[in-house]
């Protein structure tokens, strides 16, 4: 099944991602690469015959998963980086936005760091099994815990603002200090997840940082790119230490050993998807993955809907009686199917891809040209990007609400913030954008006139 999935991705790459010179589809290509790596991992698992699905392979399910993944990738084909300099040089209220992110996320680091250190002290797996008491302790801090948790979930915005600072034509020492503070503040998410004895913060921070770097890479000077890569490699090595500690502790008793367990951790999704398609899955109608929104909708129409905590045990029992654990990774596509069935999930994913296309395309078809639109495009990208494991934004949907509220705040702030005068950098920006447009048109004319063979 992994081979079928990988072959489908290769055919899609040949048909849709081998763009002519001058076209950039960074996000779509990155998304393709992540899922292609998933396919290769699943293929290795299938060849070794060490890890097998619980039921006979469901090839129709593998084809359906491939189709849904390709729909998700297609939503970002229209993302272009050519207009990013307009965002970099004309963002209004940038200092205020950065100040809010730095201040709140440094507070989050200070709040969660003691809990993260205790989580890594002693047996990490034992601490993980005692997570309920840790959650109760953190919850006892009330609004202080809530604010710290909300701030840490804006780490992606901090990374975007940091790279905007570094990509600015006039970046200097003071600008680089602000960029460094933003990167430091973004680590609040890592500390936040470590406080709950989780490794996901390390994985998702590294994935997000790589995506933001790829988006801004063409607008960074070559020496700066080299320094960023070096710093990223060093930071990643340091963050992998707690990741490895928790991983080794978790899989220490596994019959397969840590190495095979990690391979299964990333490559099991296709087999798991096949197994889930072979049983009678109860539809939860959004309660499992969108509980906050379902609850709000029920309250709005006066219905008393049961929440996930009430029906979770019953749903899990239906999986287990059919011989399949309900908590294994099956990608975000599998989670949507659990909520809405195959047809419902396909419709939802198609509508989501259309939304991603519209946001990524921008008003003039050239890509995001405002900070709010750029933040929204990158936020939407995280759904399938992080979703290579599962739908990360479920549980209480706090990540969705916090990020959308912040993007709305940025949009309103920039709408109310005074425009720069013609004497300032606004005139320079207009000249720069006009010059870029002229060069782009000239390059396109040369490309169109070039003989095809």
Protein backbone atom coordinates (compact mmCIF):
# COMPACT_ATOMS: atom_id res chain seq x y z
CA UNK A 1 0.00 0.00 0.00
CA UNK A 2 2.88 2.32 0.70
CA UNK A 3 4.14 1.69 -2.84
CA UNK A 4 0.72 2.61 -4.31
CA UNK A 5 0.66 5.80 -2.25
CA UNK A 6 4.23 6.73 -3.29
CA UNK A 7 3.54 6.02 -6.95
CA UNK A 8 0.49 8.27 -6.87
CA UNK A 9 2.59 11.09 -5.42
CA UNK A 10 5.31 10.61 -8.06
CA UNK A 11 2.76 10.83 -10.87
CA UNK A 12 1.30 13.96 -9.30
CA UNK A 13 4.74 15.56 -9.06
CA UNK A 14 5.38 14.92 -12.74
CA UNK A 15 1.98 16.34 -13.71
CA UNK A 16 1.61 19.33 -11.37
CA UNK A 17 4.81 20.25 -9.54
CA UNK A 18 7.42 20.28 -12.32
CA UNK A 19 6.68 23.97 -12.91
CA UNK A 20 8.52 26.05 -15.53
CA UNK A 21 11.41 28.25 -14.44
CA UNK A 22 10.24 31.37 -12.68
CA UNK A 23 7.36 29.65 -10.90
CA UNK A 24 7.66 28.87 -7.21
CA UNK A 25 5.44 26.42 -5.40
CA UNK A 26 7.41 26.06 -2.20
CA UNK A 27 4.57 25.10 0.13
CA UNK A 28 3.05 22.55 -2.26
CA UNK A 29 6.45 20.96 -2.85
CA UNK A 30 7.21 20.81 0.88
CA UNK A 31 3.84 19.21 1.55
CA UNK A 32 4.46 16.72 -1.24
CA UNK A 33 7.89 15.88 0.19
CA UNK A 34 6.53 15.17 3.68
CA UNK A 35 3.86 12.80 2.38
CA UNK A 36 6.27 11.15 -0.04
CA UNK A 37 8.55 10.43 2.93
CA UNK A 38 5.52 8.92 4.66
CA UNK A 39 4.95 6.69 1.62
CA UNK A 40 8.57 5.56 1.60
CA UNK A 41 8.44 4.74 5.32
CA UNK A 42 5.27 2.72 4.81
CA UNK A 43 6.90 0.92 1.86
CA UNK A 44 9.91 -0.05 4.00
CA UNK A 45 7.55 -1.32 6.68
CA UNK A 46 5.69 -3.40 4.08
CA UNK A 47 8.85 -4.87 2.57
CA UNK A 48 10.36 -5.87 5.91
CA UNK A 49 7.19 -7.67 6.95
CA UNK A 50 7.95 -6.77 10.56
CA UNK A 51 4.95 -4.50 11.05
CA UNK A 52 1.71 -5.60 9.44
CA UNK A 53 -1.81 -4.14 9.37
CA UNK A 54 -4.33 -5.81 11.62
CA UNK A 55 -6.60 -6.65 8.65
CA UNK A 56 -5.90 -7.65 5.02
CA UNK A 57 -4.62 -4.66 2.99
CA UNK A 58 -7.40 -2.39 1.74
CA UNK A 59 -6.05 -1.02 -1.54
CA UNK A 60 -9.16 1.05 -2.21
CA UNK A 61 -8.52 2.84 1.07
CA UNK A 62 -4.91 3.52 0.03
CA UNK A 63 -6.14 5.04 -3.23
CA UNK A 64 -8.69 7.16 -1.37
CA UNK A 65 -6.02 8.43 1.03
CA UNK A 66 -3.78 9.27 -1.94
CA UNK A 67 -6.60 11.22 -3.59
CA UNK A 68 -7.31 13.21 -0.42
CA UNK A 69 -3.63 14.01 0.13
CA UNK A 70 -3.30 15.23 -3.46
CA UNK A 71 -6.35 17.45 -3.00
CA UNK A 72 -4.70 18.94 0.08
CA UNK A 73 -1.44 19.60 -1.79
CA UNK A 74 -3.33 21.18 -4.69
CA UNK A 75 -4.73 23.84 -2.37
CA UNK A 76 -1.27 25.43 -2.17
CA UNK A 77 -0.24 25.29 -5.83
CA UNK A 78 -1.18 28.97 -6.16
CA UNK A 79 1.09 30.12 -3.31
CA UNK A 80 3.82 32.39 -4.64
CA UNK A 81 6.62 34.17 -2.81
CA UNK A 82 7.07 36.99 -5.32
CA UNK A 83 4.90 39.45 -3.36
CA UNK A 84 6.46 38.79 0.03
CA UNK A 85 8.73 41.83 -0.18
CA UNK A 86 5.61 43.99 -0.33
CA UNK A 87 4.61 42.45 3.01
CA UNK A 88 8.10 42.80 4.45
CA UNK A 89 8.53 46.48 3.63
CA UNK A 90 5.01 47.81 4.16
CA UNK A 91 3.62 46.06 7.26
CA UNK A 92 1.97 48.67 9.48
CA UNK A 93 2.08 48.26 13.25
CA UNK A 94 4.88 45.72 12.96
CA UNK A 95 6.64 46.87 16.12
CA UNK A 96 3.45 46.57 18.19
CA UNK A 97 2.71 43.09 16.83
CA UNK A 98 6.24 41.94 17.57
CA UNK A 99 6.15 43.45 21.05
CA UNK A 100 2.96 41.55 21.89
CA UNK A 101 4.39 38.26 20.65
CA UNK A 102 7.74 38.67 22.40
CA UNK A 103 6.24 39.80 25.70
CA UNK A 104 3.53 37.16 25.96
CA UNK A 105 5.66 34.27 24.78
CA UNK A 106 8.60 35.06 27.02
CA UNK A 107 6.05 35.05 29.86
CA UNK A 108 4.87 31.62 28.63
CA UNK A 109 8.43 30.31 28.71
CA UNK A 110 8.93 31.60 32.26
CA UNK A 111 5.64 30.02 33.35
CA UNK A 112 6.06 26.58 31.76
CA UNK A 113 9.84 26.12 32.13
CA UNK A 114 9.76 24.84 35.77
CA UNK A 115 7.09 22.27 34.83
CA UNK A 116 9.07 21.24 31.73
CA UNK A 117 12.19 20.66 33.84
CA UNK A 118 10.29 18.48 36.33
CA UNK A 119 8.80 16.53 33.44
CA UNK A 120 12.29 15.64 32.22
CA UNK A 121 13.54 14.74 35.70
CA UNK A 122 13.59 11.06 36.54
CA UNK A 123 11.71 8.55 34.37
CA UNK A 124 10.14 10.54 31.51
CA UNK A 125 7.72 7.73 30.66
CA UNK A 126 6.57 7.48 34.27
CA UNK A 127 6.01 11.23 34.29
CA UNK A 128 4.01 10.88 31.09
CA UNK A 129 1.78 8.21 32.64
CA UNK A 130 1.12 10.56 35.55
CA UNK A 131 0.04 13.31 33.17
CA UNK A 132 -3.38 13.72 34.79
CA UNK A 133 -1.85 15.08 37.99
CA UNK A 134 0.39 17.44 35.98
CA UNK A 135 -2.62 18.76 34.07
CA UNK A 136 -4.52 19.27 37.30
CA UNK A 137 -1.57 21.18 38.79
CA UNK A 138 -1.22 23.43 35.76
CA UNK A 139 -4.95 23.98 35.62
CA UNK A 140 -4.93 25.20 39.20
CA UNK A 141 -3.12 28.35 38.03
CA UNK A 142 -6.27 29.40 36.18
CA UNK A 143 -5.94 32.48 33.97
CA UNK A 144 -2.13 32.48 34.24
CA UNK A 145 -1.97 28.99 32.72
CA UNK A 146 -4.58 29.88 30.07
CA UNK A 147 -2.75 33.01 28.94
CA UNK A 148 0.60 31.21 28.80
CA UNK A 149 -0.89 28.36 26.79
CA UNK A 150 -2.62 30.72 24.35
CA UNK A 151 0.53 32.79 23.84
CA UNK A 152 2.66 29.72 23.09
CA UNK A 153 0.27 28.66 20.33
CA UNK A 154 1.19 31.79 18.37
CA UNK A 155 4.76 30.58 17.89
CA UNK A 156 4.28 30.30 14.13
CA UNK A 157 3.47 34.02 13.92
CA UNK A 158 6.68 34.80 15.81
CA UNK A 159 8.72 32.81 13.31
CA UNK A 160 7.05 34.67 10.42
CA UNK A 161 7.78 38.05 12.01
CA UNK A 162 11.39 37.02 12.68
CA UNK A 163 11.99 36.11 9.04
CA UNK A 164 10.29 39.29 7.90
CA UNK A 165 12.83 41.22 9.96
CA UNK A 166 15.73 39.27 8.48
CA UNK A 167 14.41 39.67 4.92
CA UNK A 168 14.00 43.44 5.21
CA UNK A 169 16.41 45.27 2.86
CA UNK A 170 17.58 47.55 5.68
CA UNK A 171 18.16 44.84 8.26
CA UNK A 172 20.96 45.68 10.64
CA UNK A 173 22.14 44.92 14.15
CA UNK A 174 19.05 46.22 15.92
CA UNK A 175 16.76 44.39 13.50
CA UNK A 176 18.67 41.15 13.99
CA UNK A 177 18.30 41.45 17.76
CA UNK A 178 14.54 41.79 17.34
CA UNK A 179 14.52 38.76 15.03
CA UNK A 180 16.52 36.74 17.58
CA UNK A 181 14.04 37.67 20.32
CA UNK A 182 11.16 36.52 18.14
CA UNK A 183 12.85 33.17 17.47
CA UNK A 184 13.53 32.78 21.19
CA UNK A 185 9.90 33.63 21.97
CA UNK A 186 8.70 31.00 19.48
CA UNK A 187 10.36 28.31 21.60
CA UNK A 188 7.54 28.84 24.09
CA UNK A 189 5.61 26.14 22.23
CA UNK A 190 8.40 23.61 22.78
CA UNK A 191 8.54 24.43 26.49
CA UNK A 192 4.73 24.36 26.71
CA UNK A 193 4.49 20.84 25.28
CA UNK A 194 7.47 19.61 27.33
CA UNK A 195 5.63 20.76 30.45
CA UNK A 196 3.06 18.08 29.58
CA UNK A 197 5.84 15.53 28.95
CA UNK A 198 5.24 15.73 25.20
CA UNK A 199 7.64 15.50 22.25
CA UNK A 200 5.28 17.06 19.73
CA UNK A 201 6.46 20.58 20.46
CA UNK A 202 9.95 19.77 19.18
CA UNK A 203 8.62 18.08 16.03
CA UNK A 204 6.10 20.77 15.13
CA UNK A 205 8.44 23.66 15.92
CA UNK A 206 11.11 22.21 13.63
CA UNK A 207 8.58 21.49 10.88
CA UNK A 208 7.14 25.02 11.10
CA UNK A 209 10.54 26.70 11.21
CA UNK A 210 11.58 24.76 8.09
CA UNK A 211 8.41 25.80 6.25
CA UNK A 212 8.80 29.50 7.11
CA UNK A 213 12.47 29.41 6.11
CA UNK A 214 11.58 27.86 2.75
CA UNK A 215 8.95 30.55 2.13
CA UNK A 216 11.40 33.41 2.82
CA UNK A 217 14.55 31.73 1.52
CA UNK A 218 14.63 33.52 -1.84
CA UNK A 219 14.45 36.91 -0.11
CA UNK A 220 17.38 36.32 2.26
CA UNK A 221 21.02 37.11 1.39
CA UNK A 222 23.11 33.99 0.80
CA UNK A 223 25.43 34.55 3.82
CA UNK A 224 22.41 35.02 6.09
CA UNK A 225 20.80 31.85 4.74
CA UNK A 226 23.93 29.90 5.59
CA UNK A 227 23.96 31.30 9.16
CA UNK A 228 20.27 30.47 9.60
CA UNK A 229 20.80 26.88 8.44
CA UNK A 230 23.74 26.49 10.82
CA UNK A 231 21.81 27.97 13.73
CA UNK A 232 18.79 25.82 12.90
CA UNK A 233 20.90 22.66 12.84
CA UNK A 234 22.44 23.52 16.22
CA UNK A 235 19.07 24.39 17.75
CA UNK A 236 17.55 21.21 16.37
CA UNK A 237 20.34 19.12 17.86
CA UNK A 238 19.78 20.69 21.28
CA UNK A 239 15.99 20.23 21.12
CA UNK A 240 16.40 16.62 20.07
CA UNK A 241 17.95 15.81 23.46
CA UNK A 242 14.65 15.94 25.40
CA UNK A 243 12.92 14.37 22.40
CA UNK A 244 15.30 11.41 22.49
CA UNK A 245 15.03 11.13 26.27
CA UNK A 246 11.23 10.89 26.16
CA UNK A 247 11.28 8.59 23.11
CA UNK A 248 13.76 6.12 24.62
CA UNK A 249 11.82 6.06 27.90
CA UNK A 250 8.53 5.51 26.07
CA UNK A 251 9.72 2.67 23.82
CA UNK A 252 12.11 1.03 26.25
CA UNK A 253 9.74 -1.89 26.83
CA UNK A 254 8.78 -2.29 23.16
CA UNK A 255 9.42 -5.71 21.61
CA UNK A 256 10.53 -3.99 18.40
CA UNK A 257 13.11 -1.71 20.02
CA UNK A 258 13.36 2.06 19.76
CA UNK A 259 14.50 2.18 16.11
CA UNK A 260 11.61 0.15 14.73
CA UNK A 261 9.18 1.94 17.03
CA UNK A 262 10.21 5.30 15.59
CA UNK A 263 9.83 3.96 12.04
CA UNK A 264 6.38 2.70 12.94
CA UNK A 265 5.60 6.07 14.53
CA UNK A 266 6.00 7.82 11.17
CA UNK A 267 5.12 5.04 8.74
CA UNK A 268 2.11 3.40 10.35
CA UNK A 269 -0.43 5.89 8.99
CA UNK A 270 -1.18 4.11 5.70
CA UNK A 271 -1.59 0.71 7.35
CA UNK A 272 -3.72 2.28 10.08
CA UNK A 273 -5.86 4.03 7.47
CA UNK A 274 -6.37 0.69 5.73
CA UNK A 275 -7.41 -0.98 8.98
CA UNK A 276 -9.85 1.79 9.88
CA UNK A 277 -11.44 1.44 6.43
CA UNK A 278 -11.95 -2.27 7.08
CA UNK A 279 -14.11 -1.82 10.20
CA UNK A 280 -17.44 -0.19 10.90
CA UNK A 281 -16.41 3.26 12.16
CA UNK A 282 -19.03 5.24 14.10
CA UNK A 283 -19.43 8.78 12.74
CA UNK A 284 -19.02 11.37 15.49
CA UNK A 285 -20.31 14.28 13.36
CA UNK A 286 -17.56 16.69 14.30
CA UNK A 287 -17.65 16.07 18.04
CA UNK A 288 -14.25 14.32 18.06
CA UNK A 289 -12.24 16.91 16.10
CA UNK A 290 -14.30 20.10 16.27
CA UNK A 291 -15.84 19.97 19.78
CA UNK A 292 -15.70 23.71 20.43
CA UNK A 293 -17.47 24.58 17.18
CA UNK A 294 -20.05 21.80 17.48
CA UNK A 295 -20.78 22.87 21.05
CA UNK A 296 -21.18 26.50 19.98
CA UNK A 297 -23.50 25.50 17.12
CA UNK A 298 -25.64 23.34 19.41
CA UNK A 299 -25.91 26.16 21.94
CA UNK A 300 -26.87 28.63 19.20
CA UNK A 301 -29.84 26.50 18.10
CA UNK A 302 -30.80 25.42 21.60
CA UNK A 303 -29.77 21.77 21.34
CA UNK A 304 -28.19 19.78 24.15
CA UNK A 305 -25.45 17.91 22.29
CA UNK A 306 -23.23 15.38 24.01
CA UNK A 307 -19.57 16.33 24.15
CA UNK A 308 -16.58 14.17 23.26
CA UNK A 309 -15.74 13.29 26.88
CA UNK A 310 -19.19 11.72 27.24
CA UNK A 311 -19.18 9.57 24.09
CA UNK A 312 -15.43 8.87 23.87
CA UNK A 313 -15.53 5.65 25.88
CA UNK A 314 -18.44 4.29 23.84
CA UNK A 315 -16.75 5.14 20.52
CA UNK A 316 -13.46 3.59 21.61
CA UNK A 317 -15.27 0.44 22.69
CA UNK A 318 -16.73 0.03 19.19
CA UNK A 319 -13.20 0.15 17.72
CA UNK A 320 -11.72 -2.25 20.25
CA UNK A 321 -14.47 -4.85 19.88
CA UNK A 322 -13.62 -4.99 16.17
CA UNK A 323 -9.94 -5.54 16.92
CA UNK A 324 -8.44 -2.10 16.23
CA UNK A 325 -7.03 0.53 18.58
CA UNK A 326 -8.72 3.91 17.96
CA UNK A 327 -5.78 6.08 18.99
CA UNK A 328 -3.26 5.15 16.26
CA UNK A 329 -2.14 7.69 13.64
CA UNK A 330 -4.01 7.65 10.34
CA UNK A 331 -3.33 11.22 9.07
CA UNK A 332 -5.81 14.08 9.37
CA UNK A 333 -7.82 12.49 6.53
CA UNK A 334 -8.61 9.52 8.76
CA UNK A 335 -9.73 11.80 11.57
CA UNK A 336 -12.11 13.67 9.27
CA UNK A 337 -13.54 10.36 8.05
CA UNK A 338 -14.16 9.37 11.67
CA UNK A 339 -16.24 12.52 12.05
CA UNK A 340 -18.05 12.73 8.71
CA UNK A 341 -17.57 9.46 6.81
CA UNK A 342 -15.80 9.04 3.46
CA UNK A 343 -18.11 11.24 1.41
CA UNK A 344 -18.34 13.94 4.05
CA UNK A 345 -14.56 14.00 4.51
CA UNK A 346 -13.99 14.25 0.77
CA UNK A 347 -16.38 17.20 0.50
CA UNK A 348 -14.80 18.91 3.53
CA UNK A 349 -11.28 18.45 2.14
CA UNK A 350 -12.30 19.76 -1.28
CA UNK A 351 -13.84 22.89 0.28
CA UNK A 352 -10.78 23.34 2.47
CA UNK A 353 -8.48 23.07 -0.57
CA UNK A 354 -10.54 25.75 -2.35
CA UNK A 355 -10.17 28.03 0.68
CA UNK A 356 -6.41 27.42 0.76
CA UNK A 357 -6.19 28.18 -2.96
CA UNK A 358 -8.10 31.43 -2.57
CA UNK A 359 -6.06 32.64 0.40
CA UNK A 360 -2.74 31.57 -1.14
CA UNK A 361 -3.54 33.14 -4.50
CA UNK A 362 -4.10 36.64 -3.14
CA UNK A 363 -6.17 39.41 -4.63
CA UNK A 364 -4.18 39.77 -7.85
CA UNK A 365 -3.30 36.12 -8.24
CA UNK A 366 0.30 36.69 -7.19
CA UNK A 367 0.29 35.32 -3.66
CA UNK A 368 -0.32 36.81 -0.20
CA UNK A 369 0.35 40.57 -0.24
CA UNK A 370 -0.64 41.45 3.32
CA UNK A 371 0.60 40.14 6.65
CA UNK A 372 -2.85 38.92 7.71
CA UNK A 373 -3.27 36.94 4.47
CA UNK A 374 0.24 35.49 4.77
CA UNK A 375 -0.39 34.39 8.37
CA UNK A 376 -3.71 32.85 7.36
CA UNK A 377 -2.16 30.96 4.42
CA UNK A 378 0.59 29.53 6.63
CA UNK A 379 -1.91 28.65 9.36
CA UNK A 380 -4.07 26.75 6.86
CA UNK A 381 -0.95 25.02 5.57
CA UNK A 382 -0.32 23.53 9.02
CA UNK A 383 -3.52 21.46 8.84
CA UNK A 384 -2.25 19.04 6.14
CA UNK A 385 1.44 19.65 7.00
CA UNK A 386 1.14 18.63 10.65
CA UNK A 387 -1.71 16.35 9.64
CA UNK A 388 0.72 13.80 8.27
CA UNK A 389 0.31 12.27 11.75
CA UNK A 390 -3.23 13.28 12.75
CA UNK A 391 -5.47 16.35 13.00
CA UNK A 392 -3.41 18.31 15.49
CA UNK A 393 -6.01 21.02 16.08
CA UNK A 394 -8.63 18.80 17.68
CA UNK A 395 -9.23 18.35 21.44
CA UNK A 396 -10.75 21.75 22.33
CA UNK A 397 -9.75 23.57 19.11
CA UNK A 398 -7.86 26.17 21.13
CA UNK A 399 -5.08 26.46 18.56
CA UNK A 400 -7.59 27.31 15.83
CA UNK A 401 -9.39 29.95 17.88
CA UNK A 402 -6.24 31.64 19.20
CA UNK A 403 -4.57 31.87 15.79
CA UNK A 404 -7.67 33.05 13.93
CA UNK A 405 -8.29 35.67 16.63
CA UNK A 406 -4.69 36.88 16.28
CA UNK A 407 -4.94 37.03 12.49
CA UNK A 408 -8.17 39.05 12.84
CA UNK A 409 -6.38 41.39 15.26
CA UNK A 410 -3.53 41.89 12.75
CA UNK A 411 -6.03 42.57 9.95
CA UNK A 412 -7.92 45.15 12.03
CA UNK A 413 -4.72 46.75 13.30
CA UNK A 414 -3.30 47.19 9.83
CA UNK A 415 -6.59 48.58 8.60
CA UNK A 416 -6.60 51.24 11.32
CA UNK A 417 -2.85 51.96 11.39
CA UNK A 418 -1.83 55.18 9.59
CA UNK A 419 -0.29 54.70 6.15
CA UNK A 420 3.30 55.69 5.59
CA UNK A 421 3.79 58.99 3.80
CA UNK A 422 5.28 59.33 0.35
CA UNK A 423 8.42 60.79 1.89
CA UNK A 424 9.04 57.59 3.80
CA UNK A 425 9.52 54.05 2.78
CA UNK A 426 6.07 53.88 1.18
CA UNK A 427 7.36 55.73 -1.93
CA UNK A 428 10.43 53.54 -1.99
CA UNK A 429 8.19 50.46 -1.76
CA UNK A 430 6.04 51.61 -4.69
CA UNK A 431 9.13 52.11 -6.82
CA UNK A 432 10.51 48.75 -5.71
CA UNK A 433 7.28 46.89 -6.45
CA UNK A 434 6.92 48.62 -9.82
CA UNK A 435 10.50 47.72 -10.72
CA UNK A 436 9.91 44.12 -9.64
CA UNK A 437 6.74 43.98 -11.75
CA UNK A 438 8.59 45.33 -14.80
CA UNK A 439 11.37 42.80 -14.39
CA UNK A 440 8.85 39.99 -13.91
CA UNK A 441 7.00 40.98 -17.10
CA UNK A 442 10.27 41.15 -19.02
CA UNK A 443 11.34 37.73 -17.78
CA UNK A 444 7.97 36.27 -18.72
CA UNK A 445 8.26 37.73 -22.24
CA UNK A 446 11.68 36.15 -22.67
CA UNK A 447 10.38 32.81 -21.40
CA UNK A 448 7.35 32.88 -23.72
CA UNK A 449 9.59 33.69 -26.70
CA UNK A 450 12.07 30.92 -25.92
CA UNK A 451 11.83 28.09 -28.48
CA UNK A 452 10.31 24.82 -27.20
CA UNK A 453 11.88 21.55 -28.21
